[in-house]
Amino acid sequence: MNGDPKANVSGWLRDYLDAGAAVENVSAAASSRVPGVESEPEPELVVNPWDIVLCTSGTLISCENAIVVLIILHNPSLRAPMFLLIGSLALADLLAGVGLIVNFAFAYLLQSEATRLVTIGLIVASFSASVCSLLAITVDRYLSLYYALTYHSERTVTFTYVMLVMLWGTSICLGLLPILGWNCLRDESTCSVVRPLTKNNTAVLSISFLFMFALMLQLYIQICKIVMRHAHQIALQHHFLATSHYVTTRRGVSTLALILGTFAACWMPFTLYSLIADYTYPAIYTYATLLPATYNSIINPVIYAFRNQEIQKALCLICCGCIPSSLSQRTRSPSDV
């Protein structure tokens, strides 16, 4: 015997509706996987143009300074204190470029607190080593002129190694501070213009830079006086004309002005801005002042490495296997400081 017809009809209707709902669920799931079928759009990855510019600068910095490092490592003759310090500067700038590239990659591909701290630590350590290497080069140039008779001795080599150990040890310690807990990840109100560095951290870095810049300025003033005195003595010994003495002195002063002017123009905007600003300021100001500081690492190889006669010879030997006659016959003048 069959049951109630109404009950049978309601049962069929319920089964039909359940089957239709299942088909809709399957269609919705398939449409989310099948290309060409409309689905909810996923959030797009937006890249900051300033970050692209910084990454591009980091790539140029890395390539340029890698050439200098390879030249110094490839030539055993380039082991004088001056070349050790130039190599230290190139290595620091190379690491700074790598840090900018890694920071860009981690910021958009692997976002975590650990990667942020490691990359900012690398950038702080490398740029600190770069500035300290510039100061060490200034000290070496002053010693080479002031103690010209005793400069080429074992004492100078030992002093150079001591400077290298101290500058790299100090820079590494500064880079480790954010990793060891001196950061603003837990308290955003203490953040500086460069997260996750604290305001106190950037203040220490900025004041240290101003102190080193003042020391470099004083040393280069003394170097300028020595160069002028040496040029005058050489002019008297060889009976040069006054115009020749003037030209040589002017070249030396122009070189020193170029070195200090470039250094100040690149680093001073970011240094002063980081002293007065904090995390509430627009990020565009941080990018606009930080970018010129990275340009200093691009210019450093041109000023300190590629202008050097010995490095030019080594580069020519690597590239074409010969030394141009213009380099082999060139003599060092008092303006080559």
C-alpha atoms as a PDB file:
ATOM      1  CA  MET A   1       0.000   0.000   0.000  1.00  0.00           C
ATOM      2  CA  ASN A   2       1.283   3.515  -0.885  1.00  0.00           C
ATOM      3  CA  GLY A   3       1.404   6.231   1.802  1.00  0.00           C
ATOM      4  CA  ASP A   4      -0.231   9.591   1.801  1.00  0.00           C
ATOM      5  CA  PRO A   5       0.078  11.213  -1.699  1.00  0.00           C
ATOM      6  CA  LYS A   6       0.633  14.686  -0.183  1.00  0.00           C
ATOM      7  CA  ALA A   7       3.520  13.369   1.860  1.00  0.00           C
ATOM      8  CA  ASN A   8       5.057  11.835  -1.255  1.00  0.00           C
ATOM      9  CA  VAL A   9       4.725  15.101  -3.217  1.00  0.00           C
ATOM     10  CA  SER A  10       6.330  17.149  -0.422  1.00  0.00           C
ATOM     11  CA  GLY A  11       9.172  14.620  -0.201  1.00  0.00           C
ATOM     12  CA  TRP A  12       9.883  14.880  -3.933  1.00  0.00           C
ATOM     13  CA  LEU A  13       9.803  18.660  -3.748  1.00  0.00           C
ATOM     14  CA  ARG A  14      12.270  18.703  -0.854  1.00  0.00           C
ATOM     15  CA  ASP A  15      14.623  16.351  -2.690  1.00  0.00           C
ATOM     16  CA  TYR A  16      14.417  18.506  -5.819  1.00  0.00           C
ATOM     17  CA  LEU A  17      15.261  21.710  -3.921  1.00  0.00           C
ATOM     18  CA  ASP A  18      18.167  20.012  -2.133  1.00  0.00           C
ATOM     19  CA  ALA A  19      19.535  18.765  -5.458  1.00  0.00           C
ATOM     20  CA  GLY A  20      19.256  22.268  -6.977  1.00  0.00           C
ATOM     21  CA  ALA A  21      21.129  23.797  -4.046  1.00  0.00           C
ATOM     22  CA  ALA A  22      23.899  21.213  -4.413  1.00  0.00           C
ATOM     23  CA  VAL A  23      24.221  21.988  -8.129  1.00  0.00           C
ATOM     24  CA  GLU A  24      24.511  25.739  -7.356  1.00  0.00           C
ATOM     25  CA  ASN A  25      27.247  25.054  -4.790  1.00  0.00           C
ATOM     26  CA  VAL A  26      29.181  22.920  -7.288  1.00  0.00           C
ATOM     27  CA  SER A  27      28.805  25.598  -9.991  1.00  0.00           C
ATOM     28  CA  ALA A  28      30.033  28.318  -7.617  1.00  0.00           C
ATOM     29  CA  ALA A  29      33.051  26.254  -6.623  1.00  0.00           C
ATOM     30  CA  ALA A  30      33.855  25.471 -10.252  1.00  0.00           C
ATOM     31  CA  SER A  31      33.493  29.097 -11.308  1.00  0.00           C
ATOM     32  CA  SER A  32      36.111  30.094  -8.709  1.00  0.00           C
ATOM     33  CA  ARG A  33      38.613  27.737 -10.299  1.00  0.00           C
ATOM     34  CA  VAL A  34      37.800  27.928 -14.009  1.00  0.00           C
ATOM     35  CA  PRO A  35      39.487  30.814 -15.888  1.00  0.00           C
ATOM     36  CA  GLY A  36      37.158  33.242 -17.606  1.00  0.00           C
ATOM     37  CA  VAL A  37      34.347  32.796 -15.094  1.00  0.00           C
ATOM     38  CA  GLU A  38      33.672  35.860 -12.978  1.00  0.00           C
ATOM     39  CA  SER A  39      34.641  35.599  -9.305  1.00  0.00           C
ATOM     40  CA  GLU A  40      35.558  37.962  -6.494  1.00  0.00           C
ATOM     41  CA  PRO A  41      38.756  39.882  -7.428  1.00  0.00           C
ATOM     42  CA  GLU A  42      41.809  39.229  -5.269  1.00  0.00           C
ATOM     43  CA  PRO A  43      43.628  42.257  -3.803  1.00  0.00           C
ATOM     44  CA  GLU A  44      46.382  43.503  -6.133  1.00  0.00           C
ATOM     45  CA  LEU A  45      49.972  44.015  -4.984  1.00  0.00           C
ATOM     46  CA  VAL A  46      50.687  47.754  -5.097  1.00  0.00           C
ATOM     47  CA  VAL A  47      54.383  48.636  -5.354  1.00  0.00           C
ATOM     48  CA  ASN A  48      55.569  52.025  -4.136  1.00  0.00           C
ATOM     49  CA  PRO A  49      57.485  53.829  -6.947  1.00  0.00           C
ATOM     50  CA  TRP A  50      59.952  55.175  -4.377  1.00  0.00           C
ATOM     51  CA  ASP A  51      60.818  51.607  -3.381  1.00  0.00           C
ATOM     52  CA  ILE A  52      61.510  50.798  -7.036  1.00  0.00           C
ATOM     53  CA  VAL A  53      63.872  53.775  -7.256  1.00  0.00           C
ATOM     54  CA  LEU A  54      65.686  52.685  -4.075  1.00  0.00           C
ATOM     55  CA  CYS A  55      65.985  49.128  -5.391  1.00  0.00           C
ATOM     56  CA  THR A  56      67.368  50.447  -8.686  1.00  0.00           C
ATOM     57  CA  SER A  57      69.902  52.535  -6.790  1.00  0.00           C
ATOM     58  CA  GLY A  58      70.843  49.463  -4.762  1.00  0.00           C
ATOM     59  CA  THR A  59      71.442  47.473  -7.931  1.00  0.00           C
ATOM     60  CA  LEU A  60      73.684  50.182  -9.401  1.00  0.00           C
ATOM     61  CA  ILE A  61      75.559  50.529  -6.100  1.00  0.00           C
ATOM     62  CA  SER A  62      76.158  46.772  -5.907  1.00  0.00           C
ATOM     63  CA  CYS A  63      77.437  46.435  -9.465  1.00  0.00           C
ATOM     64  CA  GLU A  64      79.698  49.472  -9.293  1.00  0.00           C
ATOM     65  CA  ASN A  65      81.311  48.656  -5.954  1.00  0.00           C
ATOM     66  CA  ALA A  66      81.619  44.946  -6.764  1.00  0.00           C
ATOM     67  CA  ILE A  67      84.010  45.944  -9.569  1.00  0.00           C
ATOM     68  CA  VAL A  68      86.196  47.852  -7.099  1.00  0.00           C
ATOM     69  CA  VAL A  69      86.225  44.975  -4.605  1.00  0.00           C
ATOM     70  CA  LEU A  70      87.151  42.467  -7.306  1.00  0.00           C
ATOM     71  CA  ILE A  71      89.953  44.688  -8.632  1.00  0.00           C
ATOM     72  CA  ILE A  72      91.521  45.033  -5.191  1.00  0.00           C
ATOM     73  CA  LEU A  73      91.159  41.321  -4.413  1.00  0.00           C
ATOM     74  CA  HIS A  74      92.502  40.306  -7.829  1.00  0.00           C
ATOM     75  CA  ASN A  75      95.691  42.397  -7.561  1.00  0.00           C
ATOM     76  CA  PRO A  76      98.107  41.486  -4.740  1.00  0.00           C
ATOM     77  CA  SER A  77      99.986  44.736  -5.391  1.00  0.00           C
ATOM     78  CA  LEU A  78      96.990  46.733  -4.112  1.00  0.00           C
ATOM     79  CA  ARG A  79      97.620  46.011  -0.434  1.00  0.00           C
ATOM     80  CA  ALA A  80      98.843  49.412   0.730  1.00  0.00           C
ATOM     81  CA  PRO A  81      96.891  51.071   3.568  1.00  0.00           C
ATOM     82  CA  MET A  82      95.182  53.424   1.121  1.00  0.00           C
ATOM     83  CA  PHE A  83      93.831  50.527  -0.969  1.00  0.00           C
ATOM     84  CA  LEU A  84      92.724  48.609   2.131  1.00  0.00           C
ATOM     85  CA  LEU A  85      90.606  51.586   3.147  1.00  0.00           C
ATOM     86  CA  ILE A  86      89.241  52.052  -0.381  1.00  0.00           C
ATOM     87  CA  GLY A  87      88.366  48.348  -0.385  1.00  0.00           C
ATOM     88  CA  SER A  88      86.616  48.772   2.968  1.00  0.00           C
ATOM     89  CA  LEU A  89      84.590  51.651   1.542  1.00  0.00           C
ATOM     90  CA  ALA A  90      83.665  49.647  -1.561  1.00  0.00           C
ATOM     91  CA  LEU A  91      82.681  46.598   0.522  1.00  0.00           C
ATOM     92  CA  ALA A  92      80.499  48.723   2.801  1.00  0.00           C
ATOM     93  CA  ASP A  93      78.752  50.344  -0.162  1.00  0.00           C
ATOM     94  CA  LEU A  94      78.356  46.939  -1.812  1.00  0.00           C
ATOM     95  CA  LEU A  95      76.596  45.605   1.294  1.00  0.00           C
ATOM     96  CA  ALA A  96      74.444  48.743   1.393  1.00  0.00           C
ATOM     97  CA  GLY A  97      73.311  48.101  -2.177  1.00  0.00           C
ATOM     98  CA  VAL A  98      72.560  44.477  -1.373  1.00  0.00           C
ATOM     99  CA  GLY A  99      70.611  45.623   1.683  1.00  0.00           C
ATOM    100  CA  LEU A 100      68.423  47.914  -0.422  1.00  0.00           C
ATOM    101  CA  ILE A 101      67.685  45.087  -2.866  1.00  0.00           C
ATOM    102  CA  VAL A 102      66.925  42.573  -0.099  1.00  0.00           C
ATOM    103  CA  ASN A 103      64.739  45.121   1.687  1.00  0.00           C
ATOM    104  CA  PHE A 104      62.661  45.581  -1.465  1.00  0.00           C
ATOM    105  CA  ALA A 105      62.287  41.818  -1.977  1.00  0.00           C
ATOM    106  CA  PHE A 106      61.319  41.107   1.620  1.00  0.00           C
ATOM    107  CA  ALA A 107      58.926  44.065   1.807  1.00  0.00           C
ATOM    108  CA  TYR A 108      56.754  42.664  -0.995  1.00  0.00           C
ATOM    109  CA  LEU A 109      57.447  38.920  -0.965  1.00  0.00           C
ATOM    110  CA  LEU A 110      58.267  37.867   2.595  1.00  0.00           C
ATOM    111  CA  GLN A 111      56.772  40.225   5.141  1.00  0.00           C
ATOM    112  CA  SER A 112      57.653  39.463   8.751  1.00  0.00           C
ATOM    113  CA  GLU A 113      59.138  41.194  11.769  1.00  0.00           C
ATOM    114  CA  ALA A 114      62.315  39.120  11.596  1.00  0.00           C
ATOM    115  CA  THR A 115      63.070  40.025   7.960  1.00  0.00           C
ATOM    116  CA  ARG A 116      62.394  43.711   8.612  1.00  0.00           C
ATOM    117  CA  LEU A 117      64.820  43.759  11.529  1.00  0.00           C
ATOM    118  CA  VAL A 118      67.515  41.856   9.632  1.00  0.00           C
ATOM    119  CA  THR A 119      67.326  44.067   6.539  1.00  0.00           C
ATOM    120  CA  ILE A 120      67.267  47.339   8.484  1.00  0.00           C
ATOM    121  CA  GLY A 121      70.185  46.061  10.559  1.00  0.00           C
ATOM    122  CA  LEU A 122      72.161  45.281   7.396  1.00  0.00           C
ATOM    123  CA  ILE A 123      71.414  48.706   5.919  1.00  0.00           C
ATOM    124  CA  VAL A 124      72.361  50.553   9.122  1.00  0.00           C
ATOM    125  CA  ALA A 125      75.591  48.573   9.535  1.00  0.00           C
ATOM    126  CA  SER A 126      76.680  48.968   5.905  1.00  0.00           C
ATOM    127  CA  PHE A 127      75.963  52.704   5.635  1.00  0.00           C
ATOM    128  CA  SER A 128      77.651  53.277   9.003  1.00  0.00           C
ATOM    129  CA  ALA A 129      80.705  51.384   7.755  1.00  0.00           C
ATOM    130  CA  SER A 130      80.659  53.471   4.575  1.00  0.00           C
ATOM    131  CA  VAL A 131      80.706  56.779   6.461  1.00  0.00           C
ATOM    132  CA  CYS A 132      83.345  55.506   8.901  1.00  0.00           C
ATOM    133  CA  SER A 133      85.485  54.332   5.966  1.00  0.00           C
ATOM    134  CA  LEU A 134      85.298  57.825   4.477  1.00  0.00           C
ATOM    135  CA  LEU A 135      86.565  59.219   7.775  1.00  0.00           C
ATOM    136  CA  ALA A 136      89.346  56.614   7.869  1.00  0.00           C
ATOM    137  CA  ILE A 137      90.406  57.550   4.313  1.00  0.00           C
ATOM    138  CA  THR A 138      90.538  61.200   5.385  1.00  0.00           C
ATOM    139  CA  VAL A 139      92.737  60.310   8.372  1.00  0.00           C
ATOM    140  CA  ASP A 140      95.014  58.234   6.127  1.00  0.00           C
ATOM    141  CA  ARG A 141      95.391  61.075   3.623  1.00  0.00           C
ATOM    142  CA  TYR A 142      96.258  63.489   6.409  1.00  0.00           C
ATOM    143  CA  LEU A 143      98.868  61.129   7.848  1.00  0.00           C
ATOM    144  CA  SER A 144     100.395  60.482   4.408  1.00  0.00           C
ATOM    145  CA  LEU A 145     101.024  64.213   3.994  1.00  0.00           C
ATOM    146  CA  TYR A 146     101.819  65.273   7.540  1.00  0.00           C
ATOM    147  CA  TYR A 147     104.123  62.294   8.251  1.00  0.00           C
ATOM    148  CA  ALA A 148     105.399  61.844   4.708  1.00  0.00           C
ATOM    149  CA  LEU A 149     108.802  60.463   5.751  1.00  0.00           C
ATOM    150  CA  THR A 150     107.513  57.779   8.140  1.00  0.00           C
ATOM    151  CA  TYR A 151     104.182  57.014   6.444  1.00  0.00           C
ATOM    152  CA  HIS A 152     105.437  53.970   4.510  1.00  0.00           C
ATOM    153  CA  SER A 153     106.223  51.836   7.553  1.00  0.00           C
ATOM    154  CA  GLU A 154     104.832  48.866   9.443  1.00  0.00           C
ATOM    155  CA  ARG A 155     103.371  51.217  12.031  1.00  0.00           C
ATOM    156  CA  THR A 156     101.082  52.732   9.398  1.00  0.00           C
ATOM    157  CA  VAL A 157      99.892  49.289   8.276  1.00  0.00           C
ATOM    158  CA  THR A 158      99.165  48.300  11.881  1.00  0.00           C
ATOM    159  CA  PHE A 159      97.291  51.541  12.486  1.00  0.00           C
ATOM    160  CA  THR A 160      95.229  50.935   9.339  1.00  0.00           C
ATOM    161  CA  TYR A 161      94.200  47.472  10.509  1.00  0.00           C
ATOM    162  CA  VAL A 162      93.238  48.906  13.896  1.00  0.00           C
ATOM    163  CA  MET A 163      91.053  51.505  12.197  1.00  0.00           C
ATOM    164  CA  LEU A 164      89.395  48.818  10.064  1.00  0.00           C
ATOM    165  CA  VAL A 165      88.640  46.616  13.077  1.00  0.00           C
ATOM    166  CA  MET A 166      87.240  49.547  15.044  1.00  0.00           C
ATOM    167  CA  LEU A 167      85.057  50.929  12.254  1.00  0.00           C
ATOM    168  CA  TRP A 168      83.602  47.565  11.270  1.00  0.00           C
ATOM    169  CA  GLY A 169      83.112  46.532  14.908  1.00  0.00           C
ATOM    170  CA  THR A 170      81.265  49.773  15.653  1.00  0.00           C
ATOM    171  CA  SER A 171      79.146  49.491  12.502  1.00  0.00           C
ATOM    172  CA  ILE A 172      78.166  45.895  13.223  1.00  0.00           C
ATOM    173  CA  CYS A 173      77.148  46.839  16.765  1.00  0.00           C
ATOM    174  CA  LEU A 174      74.957  49.653  15.408  1.00  0.00           C
ATOM    175  CA  GLY A 175      73.355  47.227  12.967  1.00  0.00           C
ATOM    176  CA  LEU A 176      72.642  44.694  15.719  1.00  0.00           C
ATOM    177  CA  LEU A 177      70.791  47.174  17.928  1.00  0.00           C
ATOM    178  CA  PRO A 178      67.401  46.826  16.154  1.00  0.00           C
ATOM    179  CA  ILE A 179      67.721  43.011  16.139  1.00  0.00           C
ATOM    180  CA  LEU A 180      68.601  42.904  19.842  1.00  0.00           C
ATOM    181  CA  GLY A 181      65.450  44.805  20.812  1.00  0.00           C
ATOM    182  CA  TRP A 182      66.143  48.500  20.232  1.00  0.00           C
ATOM    183  CA  ASN A 183      63.224  48.901  17.846  1.00  0.00           C
ATOM    184  CA  CYS A 184      59.685  50.296  17.832  1.00  0.00           C
ATOM    185  CA  LEU A 185      57.732  47.216  16.772  1.00  0.00           C
ATOM    186  CA  ARG A 186      56.042  47.023  20.191  1.00  0.00           C
ATOM    187  CA  ASP A 187      55.560  50.762  20.724  1.00  0.00           C
ATOM    188  CA  GLU A 188      54.781  52.724  17.573  1.00  0.00           C
ATOM    189  CA  SER A 189      54.936  56.060  19.410  1.00  0.00           C
ATOM    190  CA  THR A 190      58.752  55.698  19.668  1.00  0.00           C
ATOM    191  CA  CYS A 191      59.234  55.144  15.923  1.00  0.00           C
ATOM    192  CA  SER A 192      61.452  57.389  13.860  1.00  0.00           C
ATOM    193  CA  VAL A 193      61.146  58.299  10.191  1.00  0.00           C
ATOM    194  CA  VAL A 194      62.695  54.902   9.380  1.00  0.00           C
ATOM    195  CA  ARG A 195      60.703  52.080  10.899  1.00  0.00           C
ATOM    196  CA  PRO A 196      61.465  49.999  12.926  1.00  0.00           C
ATOM    197  CA  LEU A 197      64.282  52.250  14.189  1.00  0.00           C
ATOM    198  CA  THR A 198      63.465  54.231  17.303  1.00  0.00           C
ATOM    199  CA  LYS A 199      63.754  57.986  17.531  1.00  0.00           C
ATOM    200  CA  ASN A 200      66.697  57.629  19.938  1.00  0.00           C
ATOM    201  CA  ASN A 201      68.459  55.279  17.521  1.00  0.00           C
ATOM    202  CA  THR A 202      68.278  57.672  14.597  1.00  0.00           C
ATOM    203  CA  ALA A 203      69.287  60.551  16.878  1.00  0.00           C
ATOM    204  CA  VAL A 204      72.468  58.697  17.849  1.00  0.00           C
ATOM    205  CA  LEU A 205      73.236  57.937  14.201  1.00  0.00           C
ATOM    206  CA  SER A 206      72.585  61.529  13.098  1.00  0.00           C
ATOM    207  CA  ILE A 207      74.690  63.121  15.858  1.00  0.00           C
ATOM    208  CA  SER A 208      77.496  60.667  15.136  1.00  0.00           C
ATOM    209  CA  PHE A 209      77.383  61.653  11.467  1.00  0.00           C
ATOM    210  CA  LEU A 210      77.549  65.359  12.284  1.00  0.00           C
ATOM    211  CA  PHE A 211      80.533  64.725  14.558  1.00  0.00           C
ATOM    212  CA  MET A 212      82.363  62.744  11.853  1.00  0.00           C
ATOM    213  CA  PHE A 213      81.578  65.382   9.241  1.00  0.00           C
ATOM    214  CA  ALA A 214      83.026  68.103  11.485  1.00  0.00           C
ATOM    215  CA  LEU A 215      86.150  65.983  12.017  1.00  0.00           C
ATOM    216  CA  MET A 216      86.515  65.381   8.277  1.00  0.00           C
ATOM    217  CA  LEU A 217      86.103  69.098   7.604  1.00  0.00           C
ATOM    218  CA  GLN A 218      88.869  69.949  10.071  1.00  0.00           C
ATOM    219  CA  LEU A 219      91.199  67.301   8.626  1.00  0.00           C
ATOM    220  CA  TYR A 220      90.609  68.437   5.042  1.00  0.00           C
ATOM    221  CA  ILE A 221      91.335  72.039   6.030  1.00  0.00           C
ATOM    222  CA  GLN A 222      94.676  70.869   7.396  1.00  0.00           C
ATOM    223  CA  ILE A 223      95.266  68.778   4.251  1.00  0.00           C
ATOM    224  CA  CYS A 224      94.542  71.820   2.105  1.00  0.00           C
ATOM    225  CA  LYS A 225      97.148  73.852   4.007  1.00  0.00           C
ATOM    226  CA  ILE A 226      99.741  71.081   3.595  1.00  0.00           C
ATOM    227  CA  VAL A 227      99.013  70.762  -0.128  1.00  0.00           C
ATOM    228  CA  MET A 228      99.403  74.487  -0.646  1.00  0.00           C
ATOM    229  CA  ARG A 229     102.693  74.500   1.253  1.00  0.00           C
ATOM    230  CA  HIS A 230     104.031  71.498  -0.692  1.00  0.00           C
ATOM    231  CA  ALA A 231     103.004  73.008  -4.013  1.00  0.00           C
ATOM    232  CA  HIS A 232     104.770  76.248  -3.115  1.00  0.00           C
ATOM    233  CA  GLN A 233     107.954  74.391  -2.151  1.00  0.00           C
ATOM    234  CA  ILE A 234     107.942  72.372  -5.388  1.00  0.00           C
ATOM    235  CA  ALA A 235     107.411  75.563  -7.385  1.00  0.00           C
ATOM    236  CA  LEU A 236     110.415  77.189  -5.716  1.00  0.00           C
ATOM    237  CA  GLN A 237     112.646  74.152  -6.235  1.00  0.00           C
ATOM    238  CA  HIS A 238     111.834  73.822  -9.938  1.00  0.00           C
ATOM    239  CA  HIS A 239     111.543  77.560 -10.576  1.00  0.00           C
ATOM    240  CA  PHE A 240     107.935  77.252 -11.681  1.00  0.00           C
ATOM    241  CA  LEU A 241     105.981  80.326 -12.508  1.00  0.00           C
ATOM    242  CA  ALA A 242     103.454  81.689 -10.040  1.00  0.00           C
ATOM    243  CA  THR A 243     100.617  80.755 -12.381  1.00  0.00           C
ATOM    244  CA  SER A 244     101.689  77.112 -12.325  1.00  0.00           C
ATOM    245  CA  HIS A 245     101.740  77.149  -8.531  1.00  0.00           C
ATOM    246  CA  TYR A 246      98.302  78.746  -8.518  1.00  0.00           C
ATOM    247  CA  VAL A 247      96.867  76.149 -10.907  1.00  0.00           C
ATOM    248  CA  THR A 248      98.242  73.228  -8.888  1.00  0.00           C
ATOM    249  CA  THR A 249      96.933  74.656  -5.615  1.00  0.00           C
ATOM    250  CA  ARG A 250      93.548  75.399  -7.140  1.00  0.00           C
ATOM    251  CA  ARG A 251      93.260  71.794  -8.368  1.00  0.00           C
ATOM    252  CA  GLY A 252      93.984  70.477  -4.892  1.00  0.00           C
ATOM    253  CA  VAL A 253      91.452  72.776  -3.259  1.00  0.00           C
ATOM    254  CA  SER A 254      88.855  71.922  -5.918  1.00  0.00           C
ATOM    255  CA  THR A 255      89.341  68.201  -5.293  1.00  0.00           C
ATOM    256  CA  LEU A 256      88.870  68.616  -1.542  1.00  0.00           C
ATOM    257  CA  ALA A 257      85.813  70.822  -2.079  1.00  0.00           C
ATOM    258  CA  LEU A 258      84.333  68.186  -4.399  1.00  0.00           C
ATOM    259  CA  ILE A 259      84.849  65.439  -1.808  1.00  0.00           C
ATOM    260  CA  LEU A 260      83.360  67.344   1.117  1.00  0.00           C
ATOM    261  CA  GLY A 261      80.622  68.996  -0.925  1.00  0.00           C
ATOM    262  CA  THR A 262      79.419  65.687  -2.346  1.00  0.00           C
ATOM    263  CA  PHE A 263      79.462  64.041   1.071  1.00  0.00           C
ATOM    264  CA  ALA A 264      77.506  66.873   2.706  1.00  0.00           C
ATOM    265  CA  ALA A 265      74.993  67.238  -0.123  1.00  0.00           C
ATOM    266  CA  CYS A 266      74.171  63.524  -0.036  1.00  0.00           C
ATOM    267  CA  TRP A 267      73.925  62.912   3.710  1.00  0.00           C
ATOM    268  CA  MET A 268      73.045  66.239   5.336  1.00  0.00           C
ATOM    269  CA  PRO A 269      69.347  66.395   4.234  1.00  0.00           C
ATOM    270  CA  PHE A 270      68.489  62.991   5.709  1.00  0.00           C
ATOM    271  CA  THR A 271      70.590  63.620   8.834  1.00  0.00           C
ATOM    272  CA  LEU A 272      68.851  66.880   9.704  1.00  0.00           C
ATOM    273  CA  TYR A 273      65.419  65.564   8.750  1.00  0.00           C
ATOM    274  CA  SER A 274      65.744  62.468  10.945  1.00  0.00           C
ATOM    275  CA  LEU A 275      66.631  64.702  13.897  1.00  0.00           C
ATOM    276  CA  ILE A 276      63.506  66.845  13.704  1.00  0.00           C
ATOM    277  CA  ALA A 277      60.915  64.432  12.250  1.00  0.00           C
ATOM    278  CA  ASP A 278      59.201  61.273  13.494  1.00  0.00           C
ATOM    279  CA  TYR A 279      56.864  58.559  12.210  1.00  0.00           C
ATOM    280  CA  THR A 280      53.907  60.970  11.922  1.00  0.00           C
ATOM    281  CA  TYR A 281      55.564  62.880   9.060  1.00  0.00           C
ATOM    282  CA  PRO A 282      54.624  61.902   5.464  1.00  0.00           C
ATOM    283  CA  ALA A 283      56.722  59.052   4.125  1.00  0.00           C
ATOM    284  CA  ILE A 284      57.490  60.978   0.932  1.00  0.00           C
ATOM    285  CA  TYR A 285      59.797  63.289   2.923  1.00  0.00           C
ATOM    286  CA  THR A 286      61.752  60.292   4.191  1.00  0.00           C
ATOM    287  CA  TYR A 287      62.150  58.902   0.671  1.00  0.00           C
ATOM    288  CA  ALA A 288      63.125  62.314  -0.727  1.00  0.00           C
ATOM    289  CA  THR A 289      65.930  62.748   1.832  1.00  0.00           C
ATOM    290  CA  LEU A 290      67.074  59.127   1.976  1.00  0.00           C
ATOM    291  CA  LEU A 291      67.495  58.748  -1.783  1.00  0.00           C
ATOM    292  CA  PRO A 292      70.343  61.313  -2.061  1.00  0.00           C
ATOM    293  CA  ALA A 293      72.146  59.470   0.748  1.00  0.00           C
ATOM    294  CA  THR A 294      72.182  56.330  -1.396  1.00  0.00           C
ATOM    295  CA  TYR A 295      73.662  58.352  -4.252  1.00  0.00           C
ATOM    296  CA  ASN A 296      76.760  58.885  -2.117  1.00  0.00           C
ATOM    297  CA  SER A 297      77.492  55.163  -2.430  1.00  0.00           C
ATOM    298  CA  ILE A 298      77.210  55.518  -6.213  1.00  0.00           C
ATOM    299  CA  ILE A 299      79.599  58.473  -6.306  1.00  0.00           C
ATOM    300  CA  ASN A 300      82.182  57.064  -3.873  1.00  0.00           C
ATOM    301  CA  PRO A 301      83.810  54.640  -6.368  1.00  0.00           C
ATOM    302  CA  VAL A 302      84.191  57.461  -8.885  1.00  0.00           C
ATOM    303  CA  ILE A 303      85.872  59.812  -6.402  1.00  0.00           C
ATOM    304  CA  TYR A 304      88.003  57.387  -4.400  1.00  0.00           C
ATOM    305  CA  ALA A 305      88.623  54.362  -6.648  1.00  0.00           C
ATOM    306  CA  PHE A 306      88.309  55.052 -10.358  1.00  0.00           C
ATOM    307  CA  ARG A 307      90.283  58.315 -10.078  1.00  0.00           C
ATOM    308  CA  ASN A 308      93.204  56.423  -8.554  1.00  0.00           C
ATOM    309  CA  GLN A 309      96.029  55.787 -10.998  1.00  0.00           C
ATOM    310  CA  GLU A 310      96.874  52.286  -9.757  1.00  0.00           C
ATOM    311  CA  ILE A 311      93.253  51.144  -9.859  1.00  0.00           C
ATOM    312  CA  GLN A 312      92.921  52.585 -13.365  1.00  0.00           C
ATOM    313  CA  LYS A 313      95.929  50.516 -14.460  1.00  0.00           C
ATOM    314  CA  ALA A 314      94.528  47.357 -12.869  1.00  0.00           C
ATOM    315  CA  LEU A 315      91.145  47.943 -14.496  1.00  0.00           C
ATOM    316  CA  CYS A 316      92.765  48.415 -17.915  1.00  0.00           C
ATOM    317  CA  LEU A 317      94.767  45.212 -17.474  1.00  0.00           C
ATOM    318  CA  ILE A 318      91.620  43.265 -16.632  1.00  0.00           C
ATOM    319  CA  CYS A 319      89.548  44.744 -19.453  1.00  0.00           C
ATOM    320  CA  CYS A 320      92.002  44.946 -22.365  1.00  0.00           C
ATOM    321  CA  GLY A 321      95.235  43.391 -21.083  1.00  0.00           C
ATOM    322  CA  CYS A 322      97.281  46.574 -21.541  1.00  0.00           C
ATOM    323  CA  ILE A 323      98.065  49.873 -19.849  1.00  0.00           C
ATOM    324  CA  PRO A 324      97.475  53.065 -21.867  1.00  0.00           C
ATOM    325  CA  SER A 325     100.530  55.256 -22.336  1.00  0.00           C
ATOM    326  CA  SER A 326      98.687  58.178 -20.743  1.00  0.00           C
ATOM    327  CA  LEU A 327      98.516  56.234 -17.462  1.00  0.00           C
ATOM    328  CA  SER A 328     102.023  54.779 -17.552  1.00  0.00           C
ATOM    329  CA  GLN A 329     103.617  58.209 -18.095  1.00  0.00           C
ATOM    330  CA  ARG A 330     101.477  60.108 -15.604  1.00  0.00           C
ATOM    331  CA  THR A 331     103.151  61.370 -12.423  1.00  0.00           C
ATOM    332  CA  ARG A 332     101.440  62.153  -9.149  1.00  0.00           C
ATOM    333  CA  SER A 333     101.066  65.852  -8.336  1.00  0.00           C
ATOM    334  CA  PRO A 334     100.351  67.583  -5.022  1.00  0.00           C
ATOM    335  CA  SER A 335      96.763  68.077  -6.107  1.00  0.00           C
ATOM    336  CA  ASP A 336      96.129  64.328  -6.231  1.00  0.00           C
ATOM    337  CA  VAL A 337      94.892  64.091  -2.664  1.00  0.00           C
END
